[in-house]
Amino acid sequence: MILITGLNGEMGSALVQKLNELGKNNIIGLDIKPIKESLKPLVTKHYVGDIKDKNLIKKIFTDNKLNEVYHLAAILSTKAEASPFLSHQINVDGFLNLLAEIENYNSLVKFFFASSIAVYHLDENKNIEISENEFCNPSNMYGCNKLYCEKIGSYFSKYSKNMNNLDFRSIRFSGIISAQTLPVGGTSDYAPEMIHSAIRNKNYTCFVNSESCIPFMIMPDAIEGIIKLMGTDKSRLKHDVYHIQSFSPTVEMIYQKLKLNFPKFKLNYDINKRRQFLINSWPNKLNQSAAVKDWDWSPKFDFDKSFDEYLIPIITDYYAEKK
């Protein structure tokens, strides 16, 4: 059986749909809120509760024979800065609650952990293409949480005698843009917020400046990355953690792309100093050679294709149906 934490989130919702398409329908969901009606047919069972609740996590593992876990539940970067101690409790303690139950299992558990480029910090020279082993010195609580969990997952998977049944795998995601949902609490939210505003014929006030640039990808590529990594034989994987991206646009590039389709769209700025600092500290571009070599990673959508074939048509249809 498969457990997905953070089922209602933008990634959890997309992942459960993809797994069903692939014929994997023995899925259990966990979320802090009641499951979305649209997701109920896609899961065998769902639990409503807090990832911090050790008794609930124990019950889930006791009641179900799990062989795969996709751990997506988290407080995102901007919210984590506002509530750092709560962020640690959810992002770290919640993660450890899952590992503690796997320690008691006699069978192998393949564990996917959703990490982030928030683990990086570059003071300058953001234009270099970085590898996974460089600049891992986060200056934000979310990145600290994610990097620590990566290290703990690798430790238990490789070195702990008490947990040789853990197959730990992780992706540090770039900013992810979904056509189906709007994220809440992320520092890269300016991109999806801008896109949704333009399509709704509303202007947008951006919280970072026009030259801000980090790696992005759209949700279908992110989900494809998870599926590819989890489907690769462990013998091929030289690392536990990989980073991936599709394109690296500036805010101005996104704006100009939207203007081609929505000429009346206007972009204003009201810079948030802390969020600007975080964007400035993250890399512009990732060296993806490890993911390409070890598990054949290749994004299907570049910048133009993402907008022309996925984001603009799907979001436009979504708001047309709501009228």
Protein backbone atom coordinates (compact mmCIF):
# COMPACT_ATOMS: atom_id res chain seq x y z
CA MET A 1 0.00 0.00 0.00
CA ILE A 2 1.02 3.60 -0.64
CA LEU A 3 0.78 6.47 1.86
CA ILE A 4 0.68 10.09 0.65
CA THR A 5 0.98 12.79 3.31
CA GLY A 6 -0.28 16.25 2.43
CA LEU A 7 -2.82 14.66 0.10
CA ASN A 8 -4.91 17.83 -0.39
CA GLY A 9 -1.92 19.95 -1.38
CA GLU A 10 -1.15 20.91 -4.98
CA MET A 11 1.50 18.19 -5.31
CA GLY A 12 -0.44 15.55 -3.36
CA SER A 13 -3.53 16.09 -5.51
CA ALA A 14 -1.53 15.76 -8.73
CA LEU A 15 0.46 12.76 -7.52
CA VAL A 16 -2.54 10.68 -6.47
CA GLN A 17 -4.11 11.26 -9.89
CA LYS A 18 -0.94 10.19 -11.68
CA LEU A 19 -0.52 7.07 -9.55
CA ASN A 20 -4.10 6.08 -10.35
CA GLU A 21 -3.44 6.54 -14.05
CA LEU A 22 -0.50 4.15 -13.67
CA GLY A 23 -2.74 1.53 -12.08
CA LYS A 24 -1.58 2.10 -8.50
CA ASN A 25 -4.88 2.51 -6.69
CA ASN A 26 -4.18 1.01 -3.28
CA ILE A 27 -3.49 4.46 -1.83
CA ILE A 28 -3.95 5.92 1.65
CA GLY A 29 -4.10 9.67 2.14
CA LEU A 30 -3.30 11.84 5.15
CA ASP A 31 -4.05 15.54 5.46
CA ILE A 32 -4.76 18.06 8.20
CA LYS A 33 -8.06 18.90 6.46
CA PRO A 34 -10.88 16.63 5.23
CA ILE A 35 -10.13 15.11 1.87
CA LYS A 36 -11.28 16.97 -1.23
CA GLU A 37 -14.38 15.42 -2.81
CA SER A 38 -12.54 15.06 -6.12
CA LEU A 39 -9.86 12.91 -4.49
CA LYS A 40 -12.13 10.48 -2.61
CA PRO A 41 -12.53 8.06 -5.55
CA LEU A 42 -8.75 7.93 -5.94
CA VAL A 43 -7.88 6.60 -2.48
CA THR A 44 -8.65 3.39 -0.64
CA LYS A 45 -8.67 5.10 2.73
CA HIS A 46 -7.98 8.57 4.09
CA TYR A 47 -7.10 9.97 7.49
CA VAL A 48 -7.71 13.49 8.76
CA GLY A 49 -5.13 14.61 11.28
CA ASP A 50 -1.82 16.18 12.13
CA ILE A 51 1.53 14.81 11.01
CA LYS A 52 2.78 15.75 14.50
CA ASP A 53 0.33 13.29 16.09
CA LYS A 54 2.47 10.24 16.93
CA ASN A 55 -0.55 8.12 17.86
CA LEU A 56 -2.21 8.80 14.52
CA ILE A 57 0.95 7.96 12.58
CA LYS A 58 1.31 4.74 14.58
CA LYS A 59 -2.30 3.83 13.82
CA ILE A 60 -1.80 4.40 10.08
CA PHE A 61 1.25 2.12 10.01
CA THR A 62 -0.37 -0.48 12.27
CA ASP A 63 -3.64 -0.67 10.36
CA ASN A 64 -2.05 -0.79 6.90
CA LYS A 65 0.81 -2.70 5.31
CA LEU A 66 2.74 0.13 3.70
CA ASN A 67 5.53 -0.38 1.18
CA GLU A 68 5.75 3.15 -0.26
CA VAL A 69 5.52 6.55 1.42
CA TYR A 70 5.37 9.90 -0.38
CA HIS A 71 5.95 12.53 2.28
CA LEU A 72 4.71 15.88 0.97
CA ALA A 73 3.16 17.47 4.07
CA ALA A 74 5.02 20.63 5.09
CA ILE A 75 4.82 24.28 6.06
CA LEU A 76 6.25 26.21 3.09
CA SER A 77 9.02 28.80 3.11
CA THR A 78 7.21 32.09 3.75
CA LYS A 79 4.94 30.61 6.43
CA ALA A 80 7.95 28.88 7.97
CA GLU A 81 9.67 32.25 8.40
CA ALA A 82 6.63 33.59 10.24
CA SER A 83 6.33 30.50 12.50
CA PRO A 84 9.78 28.89 12.74
CA PHE A 85 9.10 26.68 15.77
CA LEU A 86 5.85 25.36 14.30
CA SER A 87 7.72 24.81 11.05
CA HIS A 88 10.25 22.65 12.85
CA GLN A 89 7.52 20.66 14.57
CA ILE A 90 5.73 19.91 11.30
CA ASN A 91 8.62 19.69 8.84
CA VAL A 92 11.09 17.85 11.08
CA ASP A 93 9.19 16.18 13.92
CA GLY A 94 6.47 15.02 11.53
CA PHE A 95 9.12 13.49 9.27
CA LEU A 96 10.72 11.72 12.24
CA ASN A 97 7.33 10.35 13.30
CA LEU A 98 7.14 8.51 9.98
CA LEU A 99 10.68 7.14 10.22
CA ALA A 100 10.07 5.93 13.77
CA GLU A 101 7.25 3.71 12.55
CA ILE A 102 9.27 2.40 9.61
CA GLU A 103 11.92 1.31 12.11
CA ASN A 104 9.38 -1.16 13.52
CA TYR A 105 8.59 -2.67 10.11
CA ASN A 106 10.06 -5.97 8.96
CA SER A 107 9.61 -5.19 5.27
CA LEU A 108 11.23 -2.69 2.91
CA VAL A 109 9.64 0.76 2.67
CA LYS A 110 10.47 2.97 -0.30
CA PHE A 111 10.30 6.55 0.99
CA PHE A 112 10.05 9.70 -1.13
CA PHE A 113 10.82 13.03 0.55
CA ALA A 114 9.91 16.30 -1.18
CA SER A 115 12.76 18.75 -0.59
CA SER A 116 13.53 22.19 -2.02
CA ILE A 117 16.16 24.49 -3.47
CA ALA A 118 15.59 26.49 -0.27
CA VAL A 119 18.47 24.40 1.13
CA TYR A 120 20.90 26.58 -0.87
CA HIS A 121 22.36 29.98 -0.11
CA LEU A 122 24.45 31.97 -2.58
CA ASP A 123 25.71 35.40 -1.53
CA GLU A 124 26.69 36.33 -5.07
CA ASN A 125 27.46 34.90 -8.51
CA LYS A 126 23.99 33.41 -8.81
CA ASN A 127 24.48 32.78 -12.52
CA ILE A 128 26.71 29.74 -12.03
CA GLU A 129 25.18 26.29 -12.54
CA ILE A 130 25.42 24.56 -9.16
CA SER A 131 25.51 20.89 -8.18
CA GLU A 132 23.71 19.24 -5.26
CA ASN A 133 26.83 19.36 -3.07
CA GLU A 134 27.44 23.11 -3.30
CA PHE A 135 26.15 26.04 -1.24
CA CYS A 136 24.09 23.88 1.17
CA ASN A 137 23.98 26.50 3.89
CA PRO A 138 20.33 27.64 4.11
CA SER A 139 19.41 31.04 5.51
CA ASN A 140 15.73 30.23 6.03
CA MET A 141 13.88 27.90 8.39
CA TYR A 142 12.22 25.90 5.60
CA GLY A 143 15.58 25.18 3.99
CA CYS A 144 17.10 24.24 7.35
CA ASN A 145 14.23 21.82 7.98
CA LYS A 146 14.53 20.24 4.54
CA LEU A 147 18.31 19.85 4.60
CA TYR A 148 18.23 18.27 8.06
CA CYS A 149 15.57 15.77 6.99
CA GLU A 150 17.60 14.90 3.89
CA LYS A 151 20.62 14.15 6.07
CA ILE A 152 18.60 12.13 8.57
CA GLY A 153 16.91 10.14 5.79
CA SER A 154 20.27 9.35 4.19
CA TYR A 155 21.75 8.40 7.56
CA PHE A 156 19.03 5.92 8.42
CA SER A 157 18.96 4.53 4.89
CA LYS A 158 22.73 4.00 4.65
CA TYR A 159 24.27 3.74 8.08
CA SER A 160 21.75 2.78 10.75
CA LYS A 161 21.69 -0.88 11.75
CA ASN A 162 18.18 -0.40 13.10
CA MET A 163 16.66 0.67 9.79
CA ASN A 164 18.08 -1.31 6.90
CA ASN A 165 14.53 -1.56 5.53
CA LEU A 166 14.45 2.12 4.49
CA ASP A 167 14.96 3.07 0.83
CA PHE A 168 15.17 6.87 1.04
CA ARG A 169 14.93 9.06 -2.07
CA SER A 170 14.50 12.82 -2.36
CA ILE A 171 14.16 15.61 -4.91
CA ARG A 172 14.98 19.25 -4.23
CA PHE A 173 12.28 20.91 -6.26
CA SER A 174 12.50 24.24 -8.02
CA GLY A 175 9.54 26.58 -7.84
CA ILE A 176 6.53 24.59 -9.04
CA ILE A 177 3.67 26.12 -11.03
CA SER A 178 0.37 24.25 -11.21
CA ALA A 179 -2.57 25.00 -13.46
CA GLN A 180 -5.04 23.37 -11.06
CA THR A 181 -4.21 25.03 -7.75
CA LEU A 182 -2.65 28.15 -6.25
CA PRO A 183 0.04 27.52 -3.61
CA VAL A 184 -0.09 29.20 -0.22
CA GLY A 185 2.93 30.21 1.83
CA GLY A 186 5.75 29.71 -0.67
CA THR A 187 8.37 32.29 -1.62
CA SER A 188 8.11 31.37 -5.31
CA ASP A 189 4.36 32.04 -5.30
CA TYR A 190 4.80 35.25 -7.31
CA ALA A 191 4.95 33.26 -10.56
CA PRO A 192 1.66 31.33 -10.24
CA GLU A 193 -0.06 34.34 -8.65
CA MET A 194 1.00 36.50 -11.58
CA ILE A 195 -0.22 33.95 -14.13
CA HIS A 196 -3.61 33.43 -12.47
CA SER A 197 -4.08 37.20 -12.13
CA ALA A 198 -3.37 37.84 -15.81
CA ILE A 199 -5.79 35.14 -16.94
CA ARG A 200 -8.49 36.56 -14.66
CA ASN A 201 -7.96 40.03 -16.20
CA LYS A 202 -6.60 41.37 -12.93
CA ASN A 203 -3.38 43.31 -12.43
CA TYR A 204 -0.76 41.96 -10.04
CA THR A 205 1.52 43.51 -7.44
CA CYS A 206 4.71 41.48 -7.19
CA PHE A 207 6.60 41.12 -3.91
CA VAL A 208 10.04 40.68 -5.57
CA ASN A 209 11.75 42.82 -8.20
CA SER A 210 11.72 42.43 -11.97
CA GLU A 211 15.17 40.82 -12.21
CA SER A 212 14.42 38.12 -9.62
CA CYS A 213 15.25 34.72 -11.04
CA ILE A 214 15.09 31.16 -9.71
CA PRO A 215 14.53 27.78 -11.39
CA PHE A 216 10.94 26.75 -12.07
CA MET A 217 9.00 23.82 -13.47
CA ILE A 218 5.35 22.98 -14.00
CA MET A 219 3.53 20.38 -11.97
CA PRO A 220 3.36 17.62 -14.63
CA ASP A 221 7.17 17.63 -14.88
CA ALA A 222 7.51 17.60 -11.08
CA ILE A 223 5.21 14.58 -10.82
CA GLU A 224 7.02 12.86 -13.69
CA GLY A 225 10.26 13.40 -11.79
CA ILE A 226 8.87 11.68 -8.70
CA ILE A 227 7.58 8.74 -10.73
CA LYS A 228 10.89 8.32 -12.57
CA LEU A 229 13.03 8.50 -9.44
CA MET A 230 10.84 6.08 -7.50
CA GLY A 231 10.70 3.69 -10.44
CA THR A 232 14.47 3.49 -10.90
CA ASP A 233 16.37 0.47 -9.59
CA LYS A 234 18.30 1.40 -6.44
CA SER A 235 21.54 0.08 -7.94
CA ARG A 236 21.52 2.95 -10.48
CA LEU A 237 21.15 5.71 -7.89
CA LYS A 238 24.48 7.17 -6.83
CA HIS A 239 22.84 9.73 -4.56
CA ASP A 240 19.90 9.91 -2.17
CA VAL A 241 19.06 13.52 -3.10
CA TYR A 242 18.77 15.17 -6.51
CA HIS A 243 17.67 18.58 -7.74
CA ILE A 244 15.77 19.29 -10.95
CA GLN A 245 14.38 22.21 -12.95
CA SER A 246 12.88 23.07 -16.35
CA PHE A 247 13.52 26.79 -16.96
CA SER A 248 14.87 29.89 -15.19
CA PRO A 249 12.84 33.02 -16.04
CA THR A 250 13.12 36.44 -14.50
CA VAL A 251 9.94 38.12 -13.29
CA GLU A 252 10.18 40.40 -16.32
CA MET A 253 10.33 37.39 -18.68
CA ILE A 254 7.16 35.95 -17.16
CA TYR A 255 5.48 39.36 -17.45
CA GLN A 256 6.42 39.78 -21.10
CA LYS A 257 5.18 36.27 -21.90
CA LEU A 258 1.84 37.03 -20.27
CA LYS A 259 1.57 40.37 -22.08
CA LEU A 260 1.65 38.55 -25.42
CA ASN A 261 -1.59 36.81 -24.48
CA PHE A 262 -3.10 39.42 -22.17
CA PRO A 263 -2.05 42.88 -23.50
CA LYS A 264 -3.97 44.78 -20.81
CA PHE A 265 -2.22 42.99 -17.94
CA LYS A 266 -0.20 45.34 -15.72
CA LEU A 267 2.48 44.40 -13.21
CA ASN A 268 3.27 46.55 -10.19
CA TYR A 269 5.80 46.07 -7.40
CA ASP A 270 5.70 46.21 -3.61
CA ILE A 271 8.93 44.56 -2.53
CA ASN A 272 8.91 42.35 0.56
CA LYS A 273 12.47 42.57 1.92
CA ARG A 274 12.56 39.12 3.48
CA ARG A 275 11.08 37.33 0.49
CA GLN A 276 13.39 39.26 -1.84
CA PHE A 277 16.35 38.20 0.31
CA LEU A 278 15.34 34.55 0.02
CA ILE A 279 14.92 34.71 -3.75
CA ASN A 280 18.29 36.46 -4.05
CA SER A 281 19.95 33.70 -2.02
CA TRP A 282 18.68 30.83 -4.16
CA PRO A 283 20.41 29.69 -7.37
CA ASN A 284 19.38 30.76 -10.86
CA LYS A 285 20.25 27.45 -12.48
CA LEU A 286 20.89 23.85 -11.44
CA ASN A 287 23.37 21.35 -12.82
CA GLN A 288 21.09 18.35 -13.36
CA SER A 289 23.68 15.91 -14.68
CA ALA A 290 23.29 13.54 -11.71
CA ALA A 291 19.53 13.15 -12.25
CA VAL A 292 20.01 12.83 -16.01
CA LYS A 293 22.64 10.12 -15.62
CA ASP A 294 21.15 8.15 -12.73
CA TRP A 295 17.45 8.11 -13.58
CA ASP A 296 17.06 9.60 -17.06
CA TRP A 297 15.55 12.90 -15.94
CA SER A 298 14.41 15.17 -18.74
CA PRO A 299 11.65 17.82 -18.43
CA LYS A 300 8.98 17.68 -21.12
CA PHE A 301 8.07 21.37 -20.88
CA ASP A 302 10.38 24.31 -21.52
CA PHE A 303 9.40 27.93 -20.79
CA ASP A 304 7.28 28.56 -23.90
CA LYS A 305 5.68 25.11 -23.97
CA SER A 306 4.76 25.38 -20.28
CA PHE A 307 2.78 28.56 -20.92
CA ASP A 308 1.40 27.79 -24.38
CA GLU A 309 0.38 24.15 -23.91
CA TYR A 310 -0.30 23.84 -20.18
CA LEU A 311 -0.65 26.92 -18.00
CA ILE A 312 -2.59 29.41 -20.14
CA PRO A 313 -5.10 27.02 -21.77
CA ILE A 314 -5.86 24.99 -18.65
CA ILE A 315 -6.16 27.95 -16.28
CA THR A 316 -8.25 29.84 -18.83
CA ASP A 317 -10.66 26.91 -19.13
CA TYR A 318 -10.81 26.60 -15.35
CA TYR A 319 -11.96 30.18 -14.81
CA ALA A 320 -14.32 30.02 -17.79
CA GLU A 321 -16.08 27.05 -16.17
CA LYS A 322 -16.43 28.92 -12.89
CA LYS A 323 -18.36 31.79 -14.48
